[in-house]
Amino acid sequence: MTKIILAYELLEEGIPKSHIAKHLGVSRRTIIRWAKAINHHKSLDAFLEHYSQAKKGERKNRKKDAILKRRIWGLREKHYQCCGQKIQYFLKKDYDQEVSVTTIYEILSEKYELRSKWKKNKPRGSVPTASAAREVIQMDTVLFGGVFAFTAVDIYSRECDVLLRPALKALDGKAFLEHCMPRRFDGFSKLIQTDGGSEFKAEFQETVGSFCERHRFARPYKKNEQSYIESFNRSLRKECLGWSKYQAAEIPELTLLVEEWLGYYHYVRPHISLGMKPPLEKNTSVTL
């Protein structure tokens, strides 16, 4: 109320509304509203009396129209438990009635238990690190048109594996597990980390427990959590398969190309993080 009095006095002196608002720490629109209200009540004292009475006690919640409630509940049932935005659309379309989405959800909550299917910020534990081989395996997929490369990397030893598949389904993910884990990673790891793609769910999740102690989903849009496999995927594109799009019929030929490159990757190609050494050393000389 003190601010209202000061604003009134400054307005009487002809001070600009923007200057008054800045001085009192309120918006210019508030000053305009106070000035209009004072003029409406004919005097400052009358407005202050009205203002003080209006601030007393708790405001009663506005009652929502019973007809509107029945319409909203009916639309939700009719349109298969649709969301508030769709109910807003049907209210306008069927009844020419405009209602905010917030109000719609308030009315729905009176009758229904509303719960989002999406669990925001699902706990996933800390980002895993490794102090020895076979502790953490990161897995991912790379798309090459009609061919899908399932990839895996041991983040400590940098050993990797690739399997080309004609589809991107959980069954293909399961096939990759059964292919790469015994062949490249001794059949077991403490932790296998993937993204949340559908190829790493269903049959993949049912099988992954046979090859690791724990399966972790990396957080979406956090590329740093899959940095090792992302780096390997770039190398696979740049040094082996490129950015071309292939057909499923080419998988046998492409597999030979990938296997040859994996031999180079593991036994010849130096890694900066490994002190300019390849991930593996050959026991006998092999011509690549």
C-alpha atoms as a PDB file:
ATOM      1  CA  MET A   1       0.000   0.000   0.000  1.00  0.00           C
ATOM      2  CA  THR A   2       2.932   2.298   0.656  1.00  0.00           C
ATOM      3  CA  LYS A   3       4.047   1.797  -2.950  1.00  0.00           C
ATOM      4  CA  ILE A   4       0.564   2.702  -4.187  1.00  0.00           C
ATOM      5  CA  ILE A   5       0.650   5.946  -2.209  1.00  0.00           C
ATOM      6  CA  LEU A   6       4.132   6.823  -3.491  1.00  0.00           C
ATOM      7  CA  ALA A   7       3.110   6.005  -7.059  1.00  0.00           C
ATOM      8  CA  TYR A   8       0.044   8.253  -6.761  1.00  0.00           C
ATOM      9  CA  GLU A   9       2.120  11.146  -5.407  1.00  0.00           C
ATOM     10  CA  LEU A  10       4.723  10.801  -8.144  1.00  0.00           C
ATOM     11  CA  LEU A  11       2.025  10.617 -10.816  1.00  0.00           C
ATOM     12  CA  GLU A  12       0.550  13.841  -9.437  1.00  0.00           C
ATOM     13  CA  GLU A  13       3.976  15.450  -9.895  1.00  0.00           C
ATOM     14  CA  GLY A  14       4.012  14.378 -13.557  1.00  0.00           C
ATOM     15  CA  ILE A  15       6.794  11.812 -13.259  1.00  0.00           C
ATOM     16  CA  PRO A  16       6.721   9.302 -16.195  1.00  0.00           C
ATOM     17  CA  LYS A  17       5.191   5.925 -15.359  1.00  0.00           C
ATOM     18  CA  SER A  18       8.296   4.026 -16.499  1.00  0.00           C
ATOM     19  CA  HIS A  19      10.470   6.025 -14.068  1.00  0.00           C
ATOM     20  CA  ILE A  20       8.042   5.394 -11.203  1.00  0.00           C
ATOM     21  CA  ALA A  21       7.954   1.671 -11.974  1.00  0.00           C
ATOM     22  CA  LYS A  22      11.737   1.444 -11.953  1.00  0.00           C
ATOM     23  CA  HIS A  23      11.987   3.410  -8.709  1.00  0.00           C
ATOM     24  CA  LEU A  24       9.376   1.246  -6.910  1.00  0.00           C
ATOM     25  CA  GLY A  25      10.547  -2.070  -8.360  1.00  0.00           C
ATOM     26  CA  VAL A  26       7.282  -2.917 -10.127  1.00  0.00           C
ATOM     27  CA  SER A  27       6.233  -3.159 -13.768  1.00  0.00           C
ATOM     28  CA  ARG A  28       4.960  -0.177 -15.740  1.00  0.00           C
ATOM     29  CA  ARG A  29       1.723  -2.080 -16.310  1.00  0.00           C
ATOM     30  CA  THR A  30       1.188  -2.237 -12.521  1.00  0.00           C
ATOM     31  CA  ILE A  31       1.491   1.544 -12.266  1.00  0.00           C
ATOM     32  CA  ILE A  32      -1.067   1.939 -15.063  1.00  0.00           C
ATOM     33  CA  ARG A  33      -3.438  -0.472 -13.328  1.00  0.00           C
ATOM     34  CA  TRP A  34      -3.165   1.399 -10.018  1.00  0.00           C
ATOM     35  CA  ALA A  35      -3.808   4.735 -11.737  1.00  0.00           C
ATOM     36  CA  LYS A  36      -6.927   3.413 -13.477  1.00  0.00           C
ATOM     37  CA  ALA A  37      -8.230   1.899 -10.230  1.00  0.00           C
ATOM     38  CA  ILE A  38      -7.738   5.166  -8.323  1.00  0.00           C
ATOM     39  CA  ASN A  39      -9.631   7.070 -11.023  1.00  0.00           C
ATOM     40  CA  HIS A  40     -12.379   4.433 -10.932  1.00  0.00           C
ATOM     41  CA  HIS A  41     -12.824   4.813  -7.137  1.00  0.00           C
ATOM     42  CA  LYS A  42     -12.687   8.630  -7.422  1.00  0.00           C
ATOM     43  CA  SER A  43     -10.006   8.979  -4.732  1.00  0.00           C
ATOM     44  CA  LEU A  44      -6.864   7.405  -3.357  1.00  0.00           C
ATOM     45  CA  ASP A  45      -8.447   6.705   0.027  1.00  0.00           C
ATOM     46  CA  ALA A  46     -11.415   4.876  -1.528  1.00  0.00           C
ATOM     47  CA  PHE A  47      -9.111   2.677  -3.600  1.00  0.00           C
ATOM     48  CA  LEU A  48      -6.887   1.894  -0.595  1.00  0.00           C
ATOM     49  CA  GLU A  49      -9.945   0.856   1.413  1.00  0.00           C
ATOM     50  CA  HIS A  50     -11.114  -1.432  -1.408  1.00  0.00           C
ATOM     51  CA  TYR A  51      -7.586  -2.788  -1.854  1.00  0.00           C
ATOM     52  CA  SER A  52      -7.159  -3.639   1.842  1.00  0.00           C
ATOM     53  CA  GLN A  53     -10.536  -5.415   1.991  1.00  0.00           C
ATOM     54  CA  ALA A  54      -9.790  -7.443  -1.125  1.00  0.00           C
ATOM     55  CA  LYS A  55      -6.567  -8.766   0.419  1.00  0.00           C
ATOM     56  CA  LYS A  56      -8.263 -10.110   3.552  1.00  0.00           C
ATOM     57  CA  GLY A  57      -8.974 -13.830   3.831  1.00  0.00           C
ATOM     58  CA  GLU A  58      -8.367 -16.659   1.400  1.00  0.00           C
ATOM     59  CA  ARG A  59      -9.834 -16.569  -2.059  1.00  0.00           C
ATOM     60  CA  LYS A  60     -12.437 -19.206  -2.785  1.00  0.00           C
ATOM     61  CA  ASN A  61     -11.751 -21.528  -5.662  1.00  0.00           C
ATOM     62  CA  ARG A  62     -13.896 -20.841  -8.663  1.00  0.00           C
ATOM     63  CA  LYS A  63     -16.456 -23.542  -9.292  1.00  0.00           C
ATOM     64  CA  LYS A  64     -16.086 -25.228 -12.630  1.00  0.00           C
ATOM     65  CA  ASP A  65     -19.148 -25.603 -14.792  1.00  0.00           C
ATOM     66  CA  ALA A  66     -20.780 -29.029 -14.311  1.00  0.00           C
ATOM     67  CA  ILE A  67     -21.685 -29.224 -17.997  1.00  0.00           C
ATOM     68  CA  LEU A  68     -18.053 -28.554 -18.946  1.00  0.00           C
ATOM     69  CA  LYS A  69     -16.918 -31.322 -16.616  1.00  0.00           C
ATOM     70  CA  ARG A  70     -19.289 -33.841 -18.179  1.00  0.00           C
ATOM     71  CA  ARG A  71     -18.144 -32.840 -21.655  1.00  0.00           C
ATOM     72  CA  ILE A  72     -14.464 -33.239 -20.795  1.00  0.00           C
ATOM     73  CA  TRP A  73     -14.987 -36.594 -19.077  1.00  0.00           C
ATOM     74  CA  GLY A  74     -17.160 -37.771 -21.962  1.00  0.00           C
ATOM     75  CA  LEU A  75     -14.580 -36.757 -24.577  1.00  0.00           C
ATOM     76  CA  ARG A  76     -11.843 -38.599 -22.725  1.00  0.00           C
ATOM     77  CA  GLU A  77     -13.912 -41.787 -22.675  1.00  0.00           C
ATOM     78  CA  LYS A  78     -15.056 -41.389 -26.273  1.00  0.00           C
ATOM     79  CA  HIS A  79     -11.594 -40.782 -27.688  1.00  0.00           C
ATOM     80  CA  TYR A  80      -9.706 -43.597 -25.938  1.00  0.00           C
ATOM     81  CA  GLN A  81      -8.239 -41.791 -22.920  1.00  0.00           C
ATOM     82  CA  CYS A  82      -6.851 -38.988 -25.093  1.00  0.00           C
ATOM     83  CA  CYS A  83      -4.650 -36.200 -23.744  1.00  0.00           C
ATOM     84  CA  GLY A  84      -5.673 -32.697 -22.677  1.00  0.00           C
ATOM     85  CA  GLN A  85      -4.561 -31.099 -25.950  1.00  0.00           C
ATOM     86  CA  LYS A  86      -6.848 -33.392 -27.952  1.00  0.00           C
ATOM     87  CA  ILE A  87      -9.754 -32.758 -25.578  1.00  0.00           C
ATOM     88  CA  GLN A  88      -9.168 -29.023 -26.093  1.00  0.00           C
ATOM     89  CA  TYR A  89      -9.393 -29.596 -29.857  1.00  0.00           C
ATOM     90  CA  PHE A  90     -12.664 -31.586 -29.606  1.00  0.00           C
ATOM     91  CA  LEU A  91     -14.224 -29.016 -27.240  1.00  0.00           C
ATOM     92  CA  LYS A  92     -13.623 -26.324 -29.836  1.00  0.00           C
ATOM     93  CA  LYS A  93     -14.699 -28.529 -32.736  1.00  0.00           C
ATOM     94  CA  ASP A  94     -17.841 -30.082 -31.187  1.00  0.00           C
ATOM     95  CA  TYR A  95     -19.021 -27.358 -28.795  1.00  0.00           C
ATOM     96  CA  ASP A  96     -17.220 -24.188 -29.964  1.00  0.00           C
ATOM     97  CA  GLN A  97     -15.870 -23.878 -26.408  1.00  0.00           C
ATOM     98  CA  GLU A  98     -12.341 -22.676 -25.648  1.00  0.00           C
ATOM     99  CA  VAL A  99     -10.790 -24.039 -22.453  1.00  0.00           C
ATOM    100  CA  SER A 100      -7.146 -24.027 -21.373  1.00  0.00           C
ATOM    101  CA  VAL A 101      -5.256 -27.317 -21.190  1.00  0.00           C
ATOM    102  CA  THR A 102      -4.465 -26.608 -17.526  1.00  0.00           C
ATOM    103  CA  THR A 103      -8.181 -26.371 -16.699  1.00  0.00           C
ATOM    104  CA  ILE A 104      -8.864 -29.573 -18.631  1.00  0.00           C
ATOM    105  CA  TYR A 105      -6.283 -31.489 -16.616  1.00  0.00           C
ATOM    106  CA  GLU A 106      -7.633 -30.049 -13.369  1.00  0.00           C
ATOM    107  CA  ILE A 107     -11.086 -31.384 -14.273  1.00  0.00           C
ATOM    108  CA  LEU A 108      -9.687 -34.745 -15.390  1.00  0.00           C
ATOM    109  CA  SER A 109      -7.794 -35.132 -12.094  1.00  0.00           C
ATOM    110  CA  GLU A 110     -11.111 -34.955 -10.218  1.00  0.00           C
ATOM    111  CA  LYS A 111     -12.191 -38.250 -11.754  1.00  0.00           C
ATOM    112  CA  TYR A 112      -9.061 -39.974 -13.067  1.00  0.00           C
ATOM    113  CA  GLU A 113      -5.656 -40.813 -11.665  1.00  0.00           C
ATOM    114  CA  LEU A 114      -3.381 -39.092 -14.147  1.00  0.00           C
ATOM    115  CA  ARG A 115       0.123 -40.424 -14.512  1.00  0.00           C
ATOM    116  CA  SER A 116       2.726 -39.806 -17.171  1.00  0.00           C
ATOM    117  CA  LYS A 117       4.100 -42.930 -18.858  1.00  0.00           C
ATOM    118  CA  TRP A 118       7.413 -41.162 -19.344  1.00  0.00           C
ATOM    119  CA  LYS A 119       9.635 -41.309 -16.282  1.00  0.00           C
ATOM    120  CA  LYS A 120      11.731 -38.177 -16.369  1.00  0.00           C
ATOM    121  CA  ASN A 121      15.295 -38.347 -15.046  1.00  0.00           C
ATOM    122  CA  LYS A 122      15.129 -42.086 -14.391  1.00  0.00           C
ATOM    123  CA  PRO A 123      17.987 -43.026 -12.012  1.00  0.00           C
ATOM    124  CA  ARG A 124      20.745 -44.823 -13.928  1.00  0.00           C
ATOM    125  CA  GLY A 125      23.688 -44.719 -11.558  1.00  0.00           C
ATOM    126  CA  SER A 126      27.046 -43.071 -12.164  1.00  0.00           C
ATOM    127  CA  VAL A 127      28.830 -43.214 -15.512  1.00  0.00           C
ATOM    128  CA  PRO A 128      30.909 -46.426 -15.412  1.00  0.00           C
ATOM    129  CA  THR A 129      34.691 -46.461 -15.660  1.00  0.00           C
ATOM    130  CA  ALA A 130      37.072 -49.403 -16.026  1.00  0.00           C
ATOM    131  CA  SER A 131      40.390 -50.296 -14.403  1.00  0.00           C
ATOM    132  CA  ALA A 132      40.794 -53.619 -16.230  1.00  0.00           C
ATOM    133  CA  ALA A 133      39.670 -55.404 -19.351  1.00  0.00           C
ATOM    134  CA  ARG A 134      36.144 -56.880 -19.491  1.00  0.00           C
ATOM    135  CA  GLU A 135      34.816 -54.518 -16.838  1.00  0.00           C
ATOM    136  CA  VAL A 136      32.774 -52.262 -19.140  1.00  0.00           C
ATOM    137  CA  ILE A 137      31.576 -52.975 -22.676  1.00  0.00           C
ATOM    138  CA  GLN A 138      29.790 -50.224 -24.617  1.00  0.00           C
ATOM    139  CA  MET A 139      27.475 -51.208 -27.477  1.00  0.00           C
ATOM    140  CA  ASP A 140      25.758 -49.231 -30.217  1.00  0.00           C
ATOM    141  CA  THR A 141      24.495 -49.435 -33.802  1.00  0.00           C
ATOM    142  CA  VAL A 142      25.448 -47.651 -37.027  1.00  0.00           C
ATOM    143  CA  LEU A 143      23.074 -47.354 -39.987  1.00  0.00           C
ATOM    144  CA  PHE A 144      24.284 -47.971 -43.534  1.00  0.00           C
ATOM    145  CA  GLY A 145      21.054 -47.820 -45.507  1.00  0.00           C
ATOM    146  CA  GLY A 146      19.619 -51.352 -45.517  1.00  0.00           C
ATOM    147  CA  VAL A 147      22.523 -52.698 -43.442  1.00  0.00           C
ATOM    148  CA  PHE A 148      22.879 -52.176 -39.684  1.00  0.00           C
ATOM    149  CA  ALA A 149      26.233 -52.509 -37.941  1.00  0.00           C
ATOM    150  CA  PHE A 150      26.061 -53.612 -34.305  1.00  0.00           C
ATOM    151  CA  THR A 151      29.260 -52.461 -32.593  1.00  0.00           C
ATOM    152  CA  ALA A 152      30.926 -53.063 -29.217  1.00  0.00           C
ATOM    153  CA  VAL A 153      34.089 -51.822 -27.486  1.00  0.00           C
ATOM    154  CA  ASP A 154      35.901 -52.739 -24.282  1.00  0.00           C
ATOM    155  CA  ILE A 155      36.578 -49.254 -22.901  1.00  0.00           C
ATOM    156  CA  TYR A 156      39.781 -50.365 -21.154  1.00  0.00           C
ATOM    157  CA  SER A 157      41.544 -52.564 -23.751  1.00  0.00           C
ATOM    158  CA  ARG A 158      39.853 -50.904 -26.787  1.00  0.00           C
ATOM    159  CA  GLU A 159      39.082 -54.321 -28.262  1.00  0.00           C
ATOM    160  CA  CYS A 160      36.073 -54.063 -30.551  1.00  0.00           C
ATOM    161  CA  ASP A 161      33.687 -56.157 -32.575  1.00  0.00           C
ATOM    162  CA  VAL A 162      31.170 -55.609 -35.370  1.00  0.00           C
ATOM    163  CA  LEU A 163      28.244 -57.655 -36.670  1.00  0.00           C
ATOM    164  CA  LEU A 164      26.283 -56.640 -39.757  1.00  0.00           C
ATOM    165  CA  ARG A 165      22.549 -57.383 -39.688  1.00  0.00           C
ATOM    166  CA  PRO A 166      19.684 -56.794 -42.137  1.00  0.00           C
ATOM    167  CA  ALA A 167      17.377 -55.317 -39.479  1.00  0.00           C
ATOM    168  CA  LEU A 168      17.445 -53.208 -36.331  1.00  0.00           C
ATOM    169  CA  LYS A 169      15.366 -55.313 -33.949  1.00  0.00           C
ATOM    170  CA  ALA A 170      15.837 -56.803 -30.510  1.00  0.00           C
ATOM    171  CA  LEU A 171      16.381 -60.232 -32.088  1.00  0.00           C
ATOM    172  CA  ASP A 172      19.291 -58.757 -34.036  1.00  0.00           C
ATOM    173  CA  GLY A 173      20.636 -57.288 -30.796  1.00  0.00           C
ATOM    174  CA  LYS A 174      20.405 -60.712 -29.188  1.00  0.00           C
ATOM    175  CA  ALA A 175      22.253 -62.267 -32.143  1.00  0.00           C
ATOM    176  CA  PHE A 176      24.995 -59.656 -31.710  1.00  0.00           C
ATOM    177  CA  LEU A 177      25.374 -60.522 -28.020  1.00  0.00           C
ATOM    178  CA  GLU A 178      25.686 -64.211 -28.777  1.00  0.00           C
ATOM    179  CA  HIS A 179      28.186 -63.447 -31.533  1.00  0.00           C
ATOM    180  CA  CYS A 180      30.550 -60.895 -30.013  1.00  0.00           C
ATOM    181  CA  MET A 181      30.670 -61.754 -26.312  1.00  0.00           C
ATOM    182  CA  PRO A 182      32.155 -65.283 -26.655  1.00  0.00           C
ATOM    183  CA  ARG A 183      34.254 -64.357 -29.664  1.00  0.00           C
ATOM    184  CA  ARG A 184      35.836 -61.118 -28.477  1.00  0.00           C
ATOM    185  CA  PHE A 185      35.150 -60.500 -24.766  1.00  0.00           C
ATOM    186  CA  ASP A 186      35.651 -63.907 -23.124  1.00  0.00           C
ATOM    187  CA  GLY A 187      31.895 -64.407 -22.802  1.00  0.00           C
ATOM    188  CA  PHE A 188      31.323 -62.118 -19.822  1.00  0.00           C
ATOM    189  CA  SER A 189      31.680 -58.522 -18.604  1.00  0.00           C
ATOM    190  CA  LYS A 190      30.875 -56.768 -15.351  1.00  0.00           C
ATOM    191  CA  LEU A 191      28.757 -54.184 -17.173  1.00  0.00           C
ATOM    192  CA  ILE A 192      27.305 -53.770 -20.653  1.00  0.00           C
ATOM    193  CA  GLN A 193      26.108 -50.281 -21.541  1.00  0.00           C
ATOM    194  CA  THR A 194      23.844 -49.412 -24.481  1.00  0.00           C
ATOM    195  CA  ASP A 195      21.575 -46.578 -25.512  1.00  0.00           C
ATOM    196  CA  GLY A 196      17.804 -46.878 -25.137  1.00  0.00           C
ATOM    197  CA  GLY A 197      17.109 -48.054 -28.687  1.00  0.00           C
ATOM    198  CA  SER A 198      14.509 -50.763 -29.272  1.00  0.00           C
ATOM    199  CA  GLU A 199      17.242 -53.100 -30.541  1.00  0.00           C
ATOM    200  CA  PHE A 200      18.601 -53.226 -26.981  1.00  0.00           C
ATOM    201  CA  LYS A 201      15.299 -54.169 -25.331  1.00  0.00           C
ATOM    202  CA  ALA A 202      12.908 -57.164 -25.359  1.00  0.00           C
ATOM    203  CA  GLU A 203      14.901 -60.260 -26.443  1.00  0.00           C
ATOM    204  CA  PHE A 204      18.200 -58.408 -25.952  1.00  0.00           C
ATOM    205  CA  GLN A 205      17.363 -57.587 -22.329  1.00  0.00           C
ATOM    206  CA  GLU A 206      16.200 -61.137 -21.692  1.00  0.00           C
ATOM    207  CA  THR A 207      19.583 -62.432 -22.880  1.00  0.00           C
ATOM    208  CA  VAL A 208      22.064 -59.797 -21.717  1.00  0.00           C
ATOM    209  CA  GLY A 209      22.061 -61.103 -18.121  1.00  0.00           C
ATOM    210  CA  SER A 210      23.856 -64.230 -19.321  1.00  0.00           C
ATOM    211  CA  PHE A 211      26.816 -62.121 -20.468  1.00  0.00           C
ATOM    212  CA  CYS A 212      27.165 -59.474 -17.738  1.00  0.00           C
ATOM    213  CA  GLU A 213      26.473 -58.674 -14.102  1.00  0.00           C
ATOM    214  CA  ARG A 214      24.582 -55.486 -14.992  1.00  0.00           C
ATOM    215  CA  HIS A 215      23.068 -53.828 -18.062  1.00  0.00           C
ATOM    216  CA  ARG A 216      22.949 -50.032 -18.048  1.00  0.00           C
ATOM    217  CA  PHE A 217      21.132 -47.649 -20.401  1.00  0.00           C
ATOM    218  CA  ALA A 218      23.092 -44.475 -21.134  1.00  0.00           C
ATOM    219  CA  ARG A 219      21.146 -41.262 -20.577  1.00  0.00           C
ATOM    220  CA  PRO A 220      19.585 -39.849 -23.758  1.00  0.00           C
ATOM    221  CA  TYR A 221      21.357 -36.901 -25.411  1.00  0.00           C
ATOM    222  CA  LYS A 222      24.471 -37.537 -23.273  1.00  0.00           C
ATOM    223  CA  LYS A 223      26.949 -38.552 -25.956  1.00  0.00           C
ATOM    224  CA  ASN A 224      29.845 -38.431 -23.490  1.00  0.00           C
ATOM    225  CA  GLU A 225      28.440 -41.510 -21.726  1.00  0.00           C
ATOM    226  CA  GLN A 226      28.962 -43.502 -24.933  1.00  0.00           C
ATOM    227  CA  SER A 227      32.143 -41.706 -25.996  1.00  0.00           C
ATOM    228  CA  TYR A 228      34.261 -44.824 -26.587  1.00  0.00           C
ATOM    229  CA  ILE A 229      31.782 -46.551 -28.875  1.00  0.00           C
ATOM    230  CA  GLU A 230      30.962 -43.270 -30.643  1.00  0.00           C
ATOM    231  CA  SER A 231      34.670 -42.844 -31.383  1.00  0.00           C
ATOM    232  CA  PHE A 232      34.885 -46.398 -32.705  1.00  0.00           C
ATOM    233  CA  ASN A 233      31.805 -45.860 -34.878  1.00  0.00           C
ATOM    234  CA  ARG A 234      33.466 -42.850 -36.499  1.00  0.00           C
ATOM    235  CA  SER A 235      36.557 -44.964 -37.238  1.00  0.00           C
ATOM    236  CA  LEU A 236      34.367 -47.710 -38.737  1.00  0.00           C
ATOM    237  CA  ARG A 237      32.812 -45.188 -41.096  1.00  0.00           C
ATOM    238  CA  LYS A 238      35.968 -43.266 -41.937  1.00  0.00           C
ATOM    239  CA  GLU A 239      38.353 -46.190 -42.390  1.00  0.00           C
ATOM    240  CA  CYS A 240      36.127 -49.075 -43.471  1.00  0.00           C
ATOM    241  CA  LEU A 241      32.511 -48.737 -44.653  1.00  0.00           C
ATOM    242  CA  GLY A 242      32.357 -45.009 -45.340  1.00  0.00           C
ATOM    243  CA  TRP A 243      29.071 -43.112 -45.586  1.00  0.00           C
ATOM    244  CA  SER A 244      27.546 -45.265 -48.323  1.00  0.00           C
ATOM    245  CA  LYS A 245      24.172 -46.970 -48.143  1.00  0.00           C
ATOM    246  CA  TYR A 246      24.158 -50.718 -48.692  1.00  0.00           C
ATOM    247  CA  GLN A 247      21.599 -53.438 -49.332  1.00  0.00           C
ATOM    248  CA  ALA A 248      21.089 -56.494 -47.112  1.00  0.00           C
ATOM    249  CA  ALA A 249      22.252 -58.744 -49.978  1.00  0.00           C
ATOM    250  CA  GLU A 250      25.730 -57.173 -49.658  1.00  0.00           C
ATOM    251  CA  ILE A 251      26.239 -58.294 -46.044  1.00  0.00           C
ATOM    252  CA  PRO A 252      28.460 -61.344 -46.851  1.00  0.00           C
ATOM    253  CA  GLU A 253      30.813 -59.209 -48.937  1.00  0.00           C
ATOM    254  CA  LEU A 254      30.802 -56.360 -46.416  1.00  0.00           C
ATOM    255  CA  THR A 255      31.473 -58.780 -43.549  1.00  0.00           C
ATOM    256  CA  LEU A 256      34.725 -59.867 -45.215  1.00  0.00           C
ATOM    257  CA  LEU A 257      35.722 -56.211 -45.536  1.00  0.00           C
ATOM    258  CA  VAL A 258      34.903 -55.523 -41.863  1.00  0.00           C
ATOM    259  CA  GLU A 259      36.785 -58.603 -40.642  1.00  0.00           C
ATOM    260  CA  GLU A 260      39.878 -57.554 -42.572  1.00  0.00           C
ATOM    261  CA  TRP A 261      39.671 -54.049 -41.100  1.00  0.00           C
ATOM    262  CA  LEU A 262      39.180 -55.410 -37.548  1.00  0.00           C
ATOM    263  CA  GLY A 263      42.420 -57.336 -37.960  1.00  0.00           C
ATOM    264  CA  TYR A 264      44.183 -54.105 -38.900  1.00  0.00           C
ATOM    265  CA  TYR A 265      42.439 -52.223 -36.072  1.00  0.00           C
ATOM    266  CA  HIS A 266      43.467 -54.716 -33.379  1.00  0.00           C
ATOM    267  CA  TYR A 267      46.989 -55.650 -34.441  1.00  0.00           C
ATOM    268  CA  VAL A 268      48.413 -52.742 -36.467  1.00  0.00           C
ATOM    269  CA  ARG A 269      46.550 -49.493 -35.891  1.00  0.00           C
ATOM    270  CA  PRO A 270      48.182 -47.506 -33.012  1.00  0.00           C
ATOM    271  CA  HIS A 271      45.977 -45.918 -30.331  1.00  0.00           C
ATOM    272  CA  ILE A 272      47.046 -42.684 -28.657  1.00  0.00           C
ATOM    273  CA  SER A 273      45.284 -43.689 -25.410  1.00  0.00           C
ATOM    274  CA  LEU A 274      47.301 -46.938 -25.376  1.00  0.00           C
ATOM    275  CA  GLY A 275      50.659 -45.211 -25.761  1.00  0.00           C
ATOM    276  CA  MET A 276      50.685 -45.571 -29.564  1.00  0.00           C
ATOM    277  CA  LYS A 277      50.221 -49.342 -29.383  1.00  0.00           C
ATOM    278  CA  PRO A 278      47.489 -51.472 -30.982  1.00  0.00           C
ATOM    279  CA  PRO A 279      44.944 -53.107 -28.653  1.00  0.00           C
ATOM    280  CA  LEU A 280      46.350 -56.611 -29.297  1.00  0.00           C
ATOM    281  CA  GLU A 281      49.689 -58.103 -30.188  1.00  0.00           C
ATOM    282  CA  LYS A 282      50.121 -61.056 -32.530  1.00  0.00           C
ATOM    283  CA  ASN A 283      51.831 -64.159 -31.349  1.00  0.00           C
ATOM    284  CA  THR A 284      52.842 -64.961 -34.929  1.00  0.00           C
ATOM    285  CA  SER A 285      53.339 -62.740 -37.942  1.00  0.00           C
ATOM    286  CA  VAL A 286      50.277 -62.506 -40.117  1.00  0.00           C
ATOM    287  CA  THR A 287      50.082 -60.762 -43.439  1.00  0.00           C
ATOM    288  CA  LEU A 288      47.222 -58.303 -43.551  1.00  0.00           C
END
